[in-house]
Structures are given as structure tokens and as C-alpha cells.
N, C-alpha and C. Protein backbone atom coordinates (compact mmCIF):
# COMPACT_ATOMS: atom_id res chain seq x y z
N MET A 1 99.92 83.40 100.72
CA MET A 1 100.39 84.53 101.54
C MET A 1 99.26 85.00 102.44
N THR A 2 99.51 85.01 103.75
CA THR A 2 98.52 85.51 104.69
C THR A 2 98.85 86.95 105.08
N LEU A 3 97.81 87.75 105.26
CA LEU A 3 97.96 89.15 105.63
C LEU A 3 97.23 89.41 106.94
N GLU A 4 97.94 90.02 107.89
CA GLU A 4 97.33 90.40 109.16
C GLU A 4 97.62 91.88 109.40
N LEU A 5 96.57 92.67 109.55
CA LEU A 5 96.71 94.10 109.78
C LEU A 5 96.50 94.37 111.27
N ILE A 6 97.52 94.92 111.91
CA ILE A 6 97.43 95.26 113.33
C ILE A 6 96.83 96.66 113.44
N SER A 7 95.80 96.78 114.29
CA SER A 7 94.95 97.96 114.25
C SER A 7 94.59 98.47 115.62
N PHE A 8 94.14 99.72 115.65
CA PHE A 8 93.42 100.32 116.76
C PHE A 8 92.10 100.82 116.16
N PRO A 9 90.95 100.51 116.75
CA PRO A 9 89.66 100.74 116.08
C PRO A 9 89.40 102.16 115.61
N LEU A 10 90.01 103.17 116.25
CA LEU A 10 89.72 104.55 115.89
C LEU A 10 90.80 105.19 115.01
N CYS A 11 91.82 104.44 114.64
CA CYS A 11 92.96 105.02 113.93
C CYS A 11 92.64 105.28 112.46
N PRO A 12 92.73 106.53 112.00
CA PRO A 12 92.45 106.83 110.59
C PRO A 12 93.49 106.27 109.64
N TYR A 13 94.73 106.11 110.12
CA TYR A 13 95.78 105.57 109.26
C TYR A 13 95.55 104.09 109.00
N VAL A 14 95.14 103.36 110.01
CA VAL A 14 94.75 101.96 109.81
C VAL A 14 93.61 101.88 108.81
N GLN A 15 92.64 102.78 108.96
CA GLN A 15 91.45 102.75 108.10
C GLN A 15 91.84 102.91 106.63
N ARG A 16 92.86 103.69 106.35
CA ARG A 16 93.33 103.83 104.97
C ARG A 16 93.68 102.46 104.37
N SER A 17 94.39 101.65 105.15
CA SER A 17 94.81 100.34 104.65
C SER A 17 93.65 99.35 104.60
N VAL A 18 92.73 99.45 105.56
CA VAL A 18 91.55 98.58 105.52
C VAL A 18 90.74 98.87 104.25
N ILE A 19 90.56 100.14 103.93
CA ILE A 19 89.82 100.51 102.72
C ILE A 19 90.49 99.93 101.48
N THR A 20 91.81 100.04 101.42
CA THR A 20 92.55 99.52 100.27
C THR A 20 92.40 98.02 100.14
N LEU A 21 92.52 97.31 101.25
CA LEU A 21 92.37 95.85 101.24
C LEU A 21 90.96 95.45 100.83
N LEU A 22 89.96 96.12 101.35
CA LEU A 22 88.57 95.80 101.00
C LEU A 22 88.29 96.11 99.54
N HIS A 23 88.83 97.23 99.04
CA HIS A 23 88.62 97.58 97.64
C HIS A 23 89.22 96.52 96.72
N LYS A 24 90.38 96.00 97.11
CA LYS A 24 91.04 94.98 96.29
C LYS A 24 90.47 93.59 96.53
N GLN A 25 89.54 93.48 97.47
CA GLN A 25 88.84 92.23 97.76
C GLN A 25 89.81 91.09 98.08
N VAL A 26 90.78 91.42 98.92
CA VAL A 26 91.77 90.43 99.33
C VAL A 26 91.48 90.04 100.79
N GLY A 27 91.65 88.77 101.09
CA GLY A 27 91.41 88.31 102.45
C GLY A 27 92.51 88.77 103.40
N PHE A 28 92.12 89.16 104.61
CA PHE A 28 93.10 89.57 105.61
C PHE A 28 92.48 89.44 106.99
N GLN A 29 93.34 89.36 107.97
CA GLN A 29 92.90 89.32 109.37
C GLN A 29 93.16 90.68 109.99
N LEU A 30 92.17 91.19 110.72
CA LEU A 30 92.31 92.48 111.40
C LEU A 30 92.41 92.22 112.90
N THR A 31 93.54 92.61 113.47
CA THR A 31 93.79 92.39 114.89
C THR A 31 93.87 93.73 115.60
N HIS A 32 92.95 93.97 116.54
CA HIS A 32 92.93 95.23 117.29
C HIS A 32 93.78 95.11 118.56
N ILE A 33 94.48 96.20 118.87
CA ILE A 33 95.21 96.27 120.13
C ILE A 33 94.80 97.55 120.85
N ASP A 34 95.14 97.63 122.12
CA ASP A 34 94.91 98.83 122.92
C ASP A 34 96.20 99.63 122.92
N LEU A 35 96.17 100.80 122.29
CA LEU A 35 97.40 101.60 122.19
C LEU A 35 97.84 102.15 123.53
N ALA A 36 96.92 102.21 124.50
CA ALA A 36 97.30 102.67 125.83
C ALA A 36 98.05 101.59 126.61
N HIS A 37 97.90 100.35 126.18
CA HIS A 37 98.59 99.23 126.82
C HIS A 37 99.09 98.29 125.71
N LYS A 38 100.15 98.72 125.05
CA LYS A 38 100.64 97.98 123.89
C LYS A 38 101.26 96.65 124.32
N PRO A 39 100.81 95.56 123.71
CA PRO A 39 101.38 94.26 124.07
C PRO A 39 102.83 94.14 123.60
N GLU A 40 103.59 93.34 124.31
CA GLU A 40 105.01 93.17 123.99
C GLU A 40 105.21 92.63 122.58
N TRP A 41 104.34 91.70 122.14
CA TRP A 41 104.51 91.13 120.81
C TRP A 41 104.35 92.20 119.73
N PHE A 42 103.50 93.22 120.01
CA PHE A 42 103.32 94.30 119.05
C PHE A 42 104.56 95.19 119.01
N LEU A 43 105.11 95.51 120.17
CA LEU A 43 106.30 96.35 120.23
C LEU A 43 107.49 95.66 119.56
N THR A 44 107.50 94.36 119.57
CA THR A 44 108.53 93.61 118.86
C THR A 44 108.37 93.75 117.35
N LEU A 45 107.12 93.79 116.90
CA LEU A 45 106.84 93.89 115.46
C LEU A 45 107.03 95.31 114.93
N SER A 46 106.60 96.30 115.70
CA SER A 46 106.54 97.68 115.21
C SER A 46 107.72 98.51 115.69
N PRO A 47 108.64 98.88 114.82
CA PRO A 47 109.79 99.68 115.24
C PRO A 47 109.42 101.03 115.83
N MET A 48 108.27 101.59 115.39
CA MET A 48 107.85 102.91 115.85
C MET A 48 106.75 102.82 116.92
N GLY A 49 106.30 101.61 117.21
CA GLY A 49 105.27 101.44 118.23
C GLY A 49 103.93 102.02 117.82
N LYS A 50 103.69 102.09 116.50
CA LYS A 50 102.45 102.69 116.00
C LYS A 50 101.73 101.71 115.08
N VAL A 51 100.43 101.92 114.95
CA VAL A 51 99.64 101.19 113.96
C VAL A 51 99.41 102.11 112.76
N PRO A 52 99.16 101.52 111.57
CA PRO A 52 99.04 100.10 111.29
C PRO A 52 100.39 99.42 111.09
N CYS A 53 100.38 98.11 111.32
CA CYS A 53 101.44 97.22 110.89
C CYS A 53 100.80 96.12 110.06
N LEU A 54 101.42 95.77 108.97
CA LEU A 54 100.94 94.68 108.14
C LEU A 54 101.92 93.52 108.25
N LYS A 55 101.42 92.42 108.79
CA LYS A 55 102.24 91.21 108.90
C LYS A 55 101.97 90.35 107.67
N ILE A 56 103.03 90.03 106.94
CA ILE A 56 102.93 89.27 105.70
C ILE A 56 103.55 87.90 105.94
N GLY A 57 102.72 86.87 105.87
CA GLY A 57 103.20 85.55 106.22
C GLY A 57 103.55 85.48 107.70
N THR A 58 104.66 84.85 108.01
CA THR A 58 105.04 84.69 109.42
C THR A 58 106.22 85.55 109.83
N ASP A 59 106.96 86.10 108.86
CA ASP A 59 108.24 86.73 109.20
C ASP A 59 108.37 88.19 108.80
N THR A 60 107.52 88.69 107.91
CA THR A 60 107.73 90.02 107.35
C THR A 60 106.69 91.00 107.86
N VAL A 61 107.15 92.20 108.23
CA VAL A 61 106.25 93.23 108.74
C VAL A 61 106.52 94.55 108.02
N LEU A 62 105.46 95.21 107.58
CA LEU A 62 105.54 96.56 107.05
C LEU A 62 104.83 97.50 108.01
N PHE A 63 105.31 98.74 108.10
CA PHE A 63 104.66 99.73 108.94
C PHE A 63 104.54 101.05 108.17
N GLU A 64 103.66 101.92 108.65
CA GLU A 64 103.27 103.18 108.01
C GLU A 64 102.25 102.91 106.91
N SER A 65 101.10 103.58 107.01
CA SER A 65 99.98 103.29 106.12
C SER A 65 100.29 103.53 104.65
N GLN A 66 101.03 104.60 104.34
CA GLN A 66 101.32 104.88 102.94
C GLN A 66 102.22 103.80 102.34
N VAL A 67 103.18 103.33 103.12
CA VAL A 67 104.07 102.26 102.65
C VAL A 67 103.27 100.98 102.44
N ILE A 68 102.41 100.67 103.39
CA ILE A 68 101.57 99.47 103.29
C ILE A 68 100.70 99.53 102.04
N ASN A 69 100.05 100.68 101.83
CA ASN A 69 99.17 100.80 100.68
C ASN A 69 99.92 100.75 99.36
N GLU A 70 101.12 101.30 99.33
CA GLU A 70 101.94 101.23 98.11
C GLU A 70 102.29 99.77 97.81
N TYR A 71 102.66 99.03 98.84
CA TYR A 71 102.97 97.61 98.64
C TYR A 71 101.76 96.85 98.13
N LEU A 72 100.61 97.06 98.77
CA LEU A 72 99.40 96.38 98.33
C LEU A 72 99.07 96.72 96.88
N ASP A 73 99.30 97.98 96.52
CA ASP A 73 98.95 98.39 95.16
C ASP A 73 99.89 97.80 94.12
N GLU A 74 101.13 97.58 94.51
CA GLU A 74 102.11 97.03 93.57
C GLU A 74 101.99 95.51 93.43
N THR A 75 101.32 94.87 94.38
CA THR A 75 101.29 93.40 94.36
C THR A 75 99.90 92.81 94.14
N ILE A 76 98.86 93.62 94.28
CA ILE A 76 97.49 93.10 94.16
C ILE A 76 96.69 94.00 93.23
N ALA A 77 96.17 93.42 92.16
CA ALA A 77 95.33 94.18 91.22
C ALA A 77 93.96 94.44 91.86
N PRO A 78 93.27 95.50 91.39
CA PRO A 78 93.67 96.47 90.37
C PRO A 78 94.57 97.56 90.93
N ALA A 79 95.42 98.10 90.07
CA ALA A 79 96.30 99.19 90.49
C ALA A 79 95.48 100.45 90.75
N LEU A 80 95.75 101.09 91.87
CA LEU A 80 95.01 102.31 92.24
C LEU A 80 95.84 103.57 92.09
N HIS A 81 97.11 103.41 91.74
CA HIS A 81 97.97 104.55 91.44
C HIS A 81 98.00 104.76 89.92
N PRO A 82 98.15 105.99 89.44
CA PRO A 82 98.26 106.24 88.00
C PRO A 82 99.51 105.59 87.42
N ALA A 83 99.44 105.25 86.14
CA ALA A 83 100.60 104.65 85.47
C ALA A 83 101.67 105.69 85.17
N ASP A 84 101.26 106.93 84.92
CA ASP A 84 102.21 107.99 84.59
C ASP A 84 103.03 108.37 85.83
N PRO A 85 104.38 108.40 85.73
CA PRO A 85 105.21 108.67 86.91
C PRO A 85 104.96 110.02 87.55
N LEU A 86 104.75 111.07 86.73
CA LEU A 86 104.52 112.40 87.29
C LEU A 86 103.19 112.46 88.02
N GLU A 87 102.15 111.90 87.39
CA GLU A 87 100.84 111.89 88.03
C GLU A 87 100.87 111.06 89.31
N ARG A 88 101.61 109.95 89.27
CA ARG A 88 101.74 109.11 90.45
C ARG A 88 102.43 109.86 91.58
N ALA A 89 103.46 110.62 91.25
CA ALA A 89 104.16 111.42 92.26
C ALA A 89 103.24 112.49 92.84
N GLN A 90 102.41 113.10 92.00
CA GLN A 90 101.46 114.09 92.49
C GLN A 90 100.45 113.46 93.45
N HIS A 91 100.00 112.27 93.15
CA HIS A 91 99.08 111.58 94.04
C HIS A 91 99.75 111.31 95.39
N ARG A 92 101.00 110.89 95.35
CA ARG A 92 101.72 110.64 96.60
C ARG A 92 101.84 111.92 97.43
N ALA A 93 102.07 113.02 96.75
CA ALA A 93 102.19 114.30 97.46
C ALA A 93 100.89 114.68 98.15
N TRP A 94 99.76 114.48 97.47
CA TRP A 94 98.47 114.83 98.07
C TRP A 94 98.11 113.87 99.20
N ILE A 95 98.57 112.63 99.13
CA ILE A 95 98.38 111.70 100.25
C ILE A 95 99.14 112.21 101.47
N ALA A 96 100.38 112.65 101.26
CA ALA A 96 101.17 113.20 102.37
C ALA A 96 100.50 114.45 102.95
N PHE A 97 99.92 115.27 102.09
CA PHE A 97 99.19 116.46 102.52
C PHE A 97 98.01 116.05 103.40
N GLY A 98 97.33 114.99 103.01
CA GLY A 98 96.21 114.48 103.80
C GLY A 98 96.66 113.99 105.17
N SER A 99 97.85 113.41 105.25
CA SER A 99 98.37 112.96 106.54
C SER A 99 98.57 114.14 107.49
N GLU A 100 99.02 115.26 106.95
CA GLU A 100 99.15 116.46 107.77
C GLU A 100 97.79 116.90 108.31
N MET A 101 96.76 116.80 107.47
CA MET A 101 95.43 117.21 107.90
C MET A 101 94.87 116.29 108.97
N ILE A 102 95.19 115.00 108.89
CA ILE A 102 94.73 114.08 109.93
C ILE A 102 95.30 114.50 111.28
N GLY A 103 96.56 114.94 111.29
CA GLY A 103 97.16 115.45 112.52
C GLY A 103 96.46 116.69 113.03
N ASP A 104 96.15 117.62 112.13
CA ASP A 104 95.42 118.83 112.52
C ASP A 104 94.03 118.49 113.06
N GLN A 105 93.37 117.55 112.39
CA GLN A 105 92.04 117.16 112.81
C GLN A 105 92.06 116.55 114.21
N PHE A 106 93.05 115.72 114.48
CA PHE A 106 93.17 115.11 115.80
C PHE A 106 93.36 116.17 116.87
N GLN A 107 94.22 117.14 116.60
CA GLN A 107 94.44 118.22 117.58
C GLN A 107 93.17 119.02 117.81
N MET A 108 92.40 119.24 116.76
CA MET A 108 91.13 119.95 116.90
C MET A 108 90.15 119.14 117.73
N MET A 109 90.12 117.81 117.51
CA MET A 109 89.17 116.96 118.22
C MET A 109 89.44 116.91 119.72
N ILE A 110 90.72 116.93 120.11
CA ILE A 110 91.03 116.74 121.53
C ILE A 110 91.30 118.06 122.25
N ALA A 111 91.22 119.17 121.53
CA ALA A 111 91.50 120.47 122.15
C ALA A 111 90.51 120.77 123.27
N GLN A 112 91.03 121.13 124.42
CA GLN A 112 90.19 121.44 125.57
C GLN A 112 89.97 122.94 125.73
N GLY A 113 90.90 123.72 125.21
CA GLY A 113 90.82 125.17 125.35
C GLY A 113 90.54 125.85 124.02
N GLU A 114 90.00 127.04 124.08
CA GLU A 114 89.60 127.78 122.87
C GLU A 114 90.80 128.11 121.99
N GLU A 115 91.91 128.50 122.59
CA GLU A 115 93.08 128.90 121.81
C GLU A 115 93.63 127.73 121.00
N ARG A 116 93.77 126.59 121.64
CA ARG A 116 94.30 125.41 120.95
C ARG A 116 93.33 124.94 119.88
N PHE A 117 92.02 124.97 120.20
CA PHE A 117 91.01 124.55 119.22
C PHE A 117 91.05 125.47 118.00
N THR A 118 91.11 126.77 118.22
CA THR A 118 91.11 127.73 117.11
C THR A 118 92.33 127.55 116.22
N ALA A 119 93.50 127.33 116.84
CA ALA A 119 94.73 127.17 116.06
C ALA A 119 94.68 125.91 115.21
N ALA A 120 94.26 124.78 115.81
CA ALA A 120 94.18 123.52 115.06
C ALA A 120 93.13 123.59 113.98
N SER A 121 91.99 124.20 114.29
CA SER A 121 90.91 124.35 113.32
C SER A 121 91.35 125.19 112.14
N ARG A 122 92.06 126.29 112.41
CA ARG A 122 92.52 127.15 111.33
C ARG A 122 93.49 126.40 110.42
N GLN A 123 94.42 125.66 111.02
CA GLN A 123 95.38 124.91 110.22
C GLN A 123 94.67 123.88 109.35
N LEU A 124 93.70 123.19 109.93
CA LEU A 124 92.97 122.16 109.19
C LEU A 124 92.19 122.77 108.04
N PHE A 125 91.41 123.79 108.32
CA PHE A 125 90.53 124.33 107.28
C PHE A 125 91.29 125.11 106.21
N ASP A 126 92.41 125.71 106.56
CA ASP A 126 93.24 126.34 105.52
C ASP A 126 93.72 125.28 104.53
N LYS A 127 94.09 124.11 105.03
CA LYS A 127 94.53 123.02 104.15
C LYS A 127 93.36 122.46 103.34
N LEU A 128 92.21 122.28 104.00
CA LEU A 128 91.04 121.77 103.29
C LEU A 128 90.63 122.71 102.15
N GLU A 129 90.70 124.00 102.39
CA GLU A 129 90.34 124.96 101.34
C GLU A 129 91.34 124.92 100.19
N ARG A 130 92.60 124.69 100.51
CA ARG A 130 93.60 124.55 99.45
C ARG A 130 93.34 123.29 98.63
N LEU A 131 92.99 122.19 99.31
CA LEU A 131 92.65 120.96 98.61
C LEU A 131 91.45 121.17 97.70
N GLU A 132 90.45 121.85 98.19
CA GLU A 132 89.25 122.13 97.39
C GLU A 132 89.61 122.85 96.09
N LYS A 133 90.51 123.82 96.17
CA LYS A 133 90.90 124.59 95.00
C LYS A 133 91.66 123.74 93.98
N ASN A 134 92.26 122.65 94.44
CA ASN A 134 93.04 121.79 93.54
C ASN A 134 92.29 120.55 93.09
N MET A 135 91.02 120.44 93.46
CA MET A 135 90.22 119.31 93.01
C MET A 135 89.97 119.41 91.50
N THR A 136 90.35 118.36 90.78
CA THR A 136 90.17 118.36 89.32
C THR A 136 89.07 117.41 88.88
N GLY A 137 88.79 116.41 89.68
CA GLY A 137 87.78 115.43 89.30
C GLY A 137 86.38 115.86 89.69
N SER A 138 85.42 115.32 88.98
CA SER A 138 84.02 115.61 89.30
C SER A 138 83.42 114.50 90.16
N HIS A 139 84.16 113.42 90.34
CA HIS A 139 83.70 112.31 91.17
C HIS A 139 84.74 112.05 92.26
N PHE A 140 85.69 111.18 91.97
CA PHE A 140 86.76 110.93 92.91
C PHE A 140 87.86 111.97 92.74
N PHE A 141 88.98 111.80 93.42
CA PHE A 141 90.03 112.81 93.39
C PHE A 141 90.47 113.15 91.98
N ALA A 142 90.67 112.13 91.16
CA ALA A 142 91.20 112.36 89.82
C ALA A 142 90.21 111.99 88.71
N GLY A 143 88.93 111.94 89.05
CA GLY A 143 87.95 111.62 88.01
C GLY A 143 87.07 110.44 88.38
N GLN A 144 86.85 109.56 87.41
CA GLN A 144 85.90 108.46 87.59
C GLN A 144 86.47 107.29 88.38
N ASN A 145 87.79 107.17 88.45
CA ASN A 145 88.40 105.98 89.04
C ASN A 145 88.87 106.22 90.47
N PHE A 146 88.53 105.28 91.35
CA PHE A 146 88.98 105.29 92.74
C PHE A 146 90.50 105.11 92.77
N SER A 147 91.17 105.87 93.62
CA SER A 147 92.63 105.81 93.70
C SER A 147 93.08 105.72 95.16
N LEU A 148 94.38 105.57 95.37
CA LEU A 148 94.91 105.56 96.73
C LEU A 148 94.70 106.90 97.43
N VAL A 149 94.57 107.97 96.66
CA VAL A 149 94.26 109.27 97.27
C VAL A 149 92.88 109.21 97.93
N ASP A 150 91.93 108.60 97.25
CA ASP A 150 90.58 108.46 97.82
C ASP A 150 90.61 107.63 99.09
N ALA A 151 91.38 106.53 99.07
CA ALA A 151 91.51 105.69 100.26
C ALA A 151 92.14 106.48 101.41
N ALA A 152 93.05 107.39 101.07
CA ALA A 152 93.76 108.16 102.10
C ALA A 152 92.88 109.23 102.72
N TYR A 153 91.98 109.83 101.94
CA TYR A 153 91.16 110.94 102.44
C TYR A 153 89.85 110.50 103.06
N ALA A 154 89.36 109.32 102.73
CA ALA A 154 88.07 108.88 103.24
C ALA A 154 88.00 108.90 104.77
N PRO A 155 89.03 108.43 105.51
CA PRO A 155 88.95 108.49 106.97
C PRO A 155 88.85 109.92 107.51
N LEU A 156 89.59 110.84 106.91
CA LEU A 156 89.53 112.24 107.31
C LEU A 156 88.13 112.80 107.11
N PHE A 157 87.55 112.54 105.93
CA PHE A 157 86.24 113.07 105.62
C PHE A 157 85.14 112.43 106.46
N MET A 158 85.27 111.14 106.74
CA MET A 158 84.30 110.47 107.59
C MET A 158 84.24 111.15 108.96
N ARG A 159 85.39 111.46 109.51
CA ARG A 159 85.44 112.12 110.81
C ARG A 159 84.93 113.55 110.72
N MET A 160 85.18 114.24 109.61
CA MET A 160 84.65 115.59 109.45
C MET A 160 83.13 115.58 109.50
N GLU A 161 82.50 114.62 108.85
CA GLU A 161 81.04 114.54 108.85
C GLU A 161 80.50 114.24 110.25
N ILE A 162 81.19 113.38 110.99
CA ILE A 162 80.76 113.06 112.35
C ILE A 162 80.90 114.30 113.24
N LEU A 163 82.02 114.99 113.14
CA LEU A 163 82.24 116.19 113.94
C LEU A 163 81.25 117.28 113.59
N HIS A 164 80.96 117.41 112.30
CA HIS A 164 80.01 118.42 111.84
C HIS A 164 78.61 118.14 112.38
N ALA A 165 78.28 116.85 112.53
CA ALA A 165 76.98 116.48 113.09
C ALA A 165 76.93 116.78 114.59
N LEU A 166 78.07 116.67 115.25
CA LEU A 166 78.11 116.96 116.68
C LEU A 166 78.06 118.46 116.95
N ARG A 167 78.74 119.21 116.13
CA ARG A 167 78.81 120.67 116.30
C ARG A 167 79.04 121.29 114.93
N PRO A 168 78.10 122.06 114.41
CA PRO A 168 78.22 122.60 113.05
C PRO A 168 79.55 123.33 112.84
N LEU A 169 80.19 123.01 111.71
CA LEU A 169 81.47 123.61 111.33
C LEU A 169 81.25 124.37 110.03
N PRO A 170 81.00 125.67 110.10
CA PRO A 170 80.64 126.45 108.91
C PRO A 170 81.65 126.36 107.77
N ARG A 171 82.93 126.31 108.09
CA ARG A 171 83.93 126.25 107.02
C ARG A 171 83.88 124.92 106.29
N TRP A 172 83.51 123.85 106.98
CA TRP A 172 83.32 122.56 106.32
C TRP A 172 82.07 122.60 105.44
N GLU A 173 81.03 123.19 105.94
CA GLU A 173 79.77 123.30 105.20
C GLU A 173 79.99 124.02 103.88
N ALA A 174 80.93 124.97 103.84
CA ALA A 174 81.15 125.79 102.65
C ALA A 174 81.96 125.10 101.56
N LEU A 175 82.55 123.95 101.85
CA LEU A 175 83.43 123.29 100.89
C LEU A 175 82.63 122.32 100.02
N GLY A 176 81.97 122.87 99.01
CA GLY A 176 81.05 122.10 98.19
C GLY A 176 81.68 120.92 97.46
N LYS A 177 82.85 121.14 96.87
CA LYS A 177 83.51 120.05 96.14
C LYS A 177 83.90 118.91 97.08
N LEU A 178 84.46 119.28 98.22
CA LEU A 178 84.89 118.24 99.16
C LEU A 178 83.70 117.52 99.76
N ARG A 179 82.59 118.23 100.00
CA ARG A 179 81.41 117.58 100.55
C ARG A 179 80.81 116.59 99.55
N ARG A 180 80.84 116.96 98.27
CA ARG A 180 80.34 116.03 97.24
C ARG A 180 81.25 114.81 97.12
N TRP A 181 82.54 115.05 97.17
CA TRP A 181 83.51 113.95 97.15
C TRP A 181 83.29 113.04 98.37
N THR A 182 83.09 113.66 99.51
CA THR A 182 82.83 112.91 100.74
C THR A 182 81.60 112.04 100.61
N ALA A 183 80.51 112.60 100.12
CA ALA A 183 79.26 111.85 99.99
C ALA A 183 79.45 110.63 99.10
N LEU A 184 80.21 110.79 98.02
CA LEU A 184 80.47 109.68 97.11
C LEU A 184 81.29 108.59 97.81
N LEU A 185 82.31 109.00 98.55
CA LEU A 185 83.15 108.03 99.25
C LEU A 185 82.37 107.27 100.32
N MET A 186 81.52 107.98 101.05
CA MET A 186 80.79 107.35 102.14
C MET A 186 79.80 106.29 101.66
N GLU A 187 79.43 106.34 100.39
CA GLU A 187 78.51 105.35 99.83
C GLU A 187 79.20 104.05 99.43
N LEU A 188 80.53 104.07 99.35
CA LEU A 188 81.26 102.89 98.90
C LEU A 188 81.28 101.83 100.00
N PRO A 189 81.04 100.57 99.66
CA PRO A 189 81.05 99.51 100.68
C PRO A 189 82.40 99.35 101.36
N GLU A 190 83.50 99.59 100.64
CA GLU A 190 84.81 99.45 101.26
C GLU A 190 85.08 100.55 102.29
N VAL A 191 84.44 101.69 102.12
CA VAL A 191 84.58 102.76 103.11
C VAL A 191 83.64 102.50 104.29
N ALA A 192 82.39 102.22 104.00
CA ALA A 192 81.43 101.93 105.06
C ALA A 192 81.87 100.75 105.91
N GLY A 193 82.47 99.74 105.26
CA GLY A 193 82.89 98.54 105.97
C GLY A 193 84.25 98.63 106.62
N SER A 194 84.89 99.78 106.53
CA SER A 194 86.24 99.92 107.09
C SER A 194 86.24 100.27 108.58
N VAL A 195 85.05 100.52 109.14
CA VAL A 195 84.92 100.81 110.56
C VAL A 195 83.78 99.96 111.14
N THR A 196 83.71 99.90 112.45
CA THR A 196 82.63 99.18 113.10
C THR A 196 81.33 99.97 112.99
N ALA A 197 80.21 99.29 113.13
CA ALA A 197 78.90 99.94 113.00
C ALA A 197 78.72 101.05 114.03
N ASP A 198 79.34 100.90 115.20
CA ASP A 198 79.19 101.91 116.25
C ASP A 198 80.33 102.93 116.25
N PHE A 199 81.00 103.07 115.11
CA PHE A 199 82.15 103.97 115.04
C PHE A 199 81.82 105.41 115.45
N PRO A 200 80.72 106.03 114.97
CA PRO A 200 80.43 107.41 115.40
C PRO A 200 80.32 107.54 116.92
N GLU A 201 79.68 106.57 117.56
CA GLU A 201 79.55 106.61 119.01
C GLU A 201 80.91 106.43 119.69
N ARG A 202 81.72 105.53 119.15
CA ARG A 202 83.05 105.33 119.72
C ARG A 202 83.90 106.60 119.63
N LEU A 203 83.81 107.26 118.48
CA LEU A 203 84.59 108.49 118.29
C LEU A 203 84.11 109.57 119.24
N ARG A 204 82.80 109.69 119.36
CA ARG A 204 82.25 110.70 120.27
C ARG A 204 82.68 110.42 121.70
N ASN A 205 82.64 109.17 122.12
CA ASN A 205 83.05 108.83 123.48
C ASN A 205 84.53 109.13 123.70
N TYR A 206 85.34 108.87 122.67
CA TYR A 206 86.78 109.12 122.78
C TYR A 206 87.06 110.60 123.00
N ILE A 207 86.45 111.45 122.17
CA ILE A 207 86.74 112.87 122.31
C ILE A 207 86.08 113.45 123.56
N SER A 208 85.00 112.83 124.00
CA SER A 208 84.38 113.25 125.26
C SER A 208 85.32 112.97 126.43
N GLU A 209 85.97 111.80 126.41
CA GLU A 209 86.92 111.45 127.46
C GLU A 209 88.11 112.41 127.49
N LYS A 210 88.42 112.99 126.33
CA LYS A 210 89.52 113.95 126.24
C LYS A 210 89.11 115.35 126.70
N GLY A 211 87.82 115.53 127.02
CA GLY A 211 87.33 116.85 127.42
C GLY A 211 87.26 117.83 126.27
N SER A 212 86.98 117.32 125.08
CA SER A 212 87.01 118.14 123.88
C SER A 212 86.08 119.35 123.93
N LEU A 213 86.58 120.46 123.45
CA LEU A 213 85.77 121.67 123.33
C LEU A 213 84.61 121.46 122.37
N LEU A 214 84.77 120.55 121.42
CA LEU A 214 83.71 120.27 120.45
C LEU A 214 82.42 119.86 121.12
N LEU A 215 82.51 119.19 122.27
CA LEU A 215 81.33 118.67 122.95
C LEU A 215 80.93 119.49 124.17
N ARG A 216 81.61 120.59 124.37
CA ARG A 216 81.40 121.36 125.59
C ARG A 216 79.96 121.81 125.75
N SER A 217 79.30 122.16 124.64
CA SER A 217 77.93 122.66 124.74
C SER A 217 76.94 121.71 124.10
N VAL A 218 77.39 120.44 123.82
CA VAL A 218 76.52 119.46 123.18
C VAL A 218 75.77 118.67 124.25
């Protein structure tokens, strides 16, 4: 079975699946496209016109990062979801919560005006503070073992650290549990290897092109 992941280099949702594939040490091909000029073959594969898409063999395509990661977890060991159905459902819920935060983070990154930046920032940090209060593990999300929740949040946290380096974010600085979780995730080879070496520069250039308020005084 061959696996091909269709990607855009800056997409956090793609990164979730790359992390999962790398953690499971399974071979796959990563194909980047330009989302501003989507090729016809991609639009044929992707019903929603979004990345990631996982092409399995020659005929089967999955889309949406959470669906892709669930499939990978059910078919390739080691399992990263809990065995208990209730705990597994809770993990899925927190992954969905993280997807909402990725949207808030994106709006904050590209905001050109103070009002829009403040609104997106407030939404993001209110959610981050709620996540912090619900952290039960002292290492990863649920303790000593890496899970799909960790794979889902690593892209968000990686971008938070980059943004914080560009312009100090006091509310991020105050989230001690999340910062410790972030530091642990960033040390993992599957997380470090899920982006290109020049990823921070690429991200900065992207938000600069958007006229981001984050870089207005940088």
C-alpha cells in the first residue's frame, strides 16, 4: 500500500498528519501544491478543495486531517488513541477544540487592523486558557504517552512560539502548563521533521505579505 499526502507547506492541518505518519514510522510521499493555483488533478481528488488529502494506492482518497489520522491510527501500529471508548471520545473532542483554535490563530496572524486582531486574539487565548485548566498530564496531553491529541496541537503550539518570538504575547507567556507541553513536543523528531528547516522564515514572510499587525512594529 502506497501513501501520498497532498500538502501545502504552511498548512497546520497537513502537519498534523505528517506528525502522525512520522511517529508511526511509515513510508509516504509528500506532495506540495500551491493553494492559490490549485491544479486540476488536485481538485478532482479533493471534494472540498482543501489539504490535506491522503491518496491510498491508486484509487482511494481521504480528506480532512482528523479523518486521515483516525484511519492511520486504526490501520498502523502503535495505536495513539486510548482503548477506552469514553476517553477516546474525549480525545476526539479536544482535537476538534484545537481545530477551532487553529482558525482563531490564523485570523490573528493575518489581521491587519487592531479591532480584528484583538477579537481573534481574545478568542484564541480564551480557548488556550480553558485548555490549560483541563490539562491532566504532566508530560503529554494525557500523561507519558504521545497521542493523536499531541499530534493535533503541535502545529498550533509551534506557530505560537514563532509568533511569540516575533512579537511578545503576554497571555501565551503566562500559560505555564501549555508552554511546558509545547517544549516537550518541539523536542520530538516527528514534530521537528514535520516542517521544512526554513519554516519560521516562511511563516514570517507569509504573514508579512498579508500585512499582519503582528509585524507592524517589528
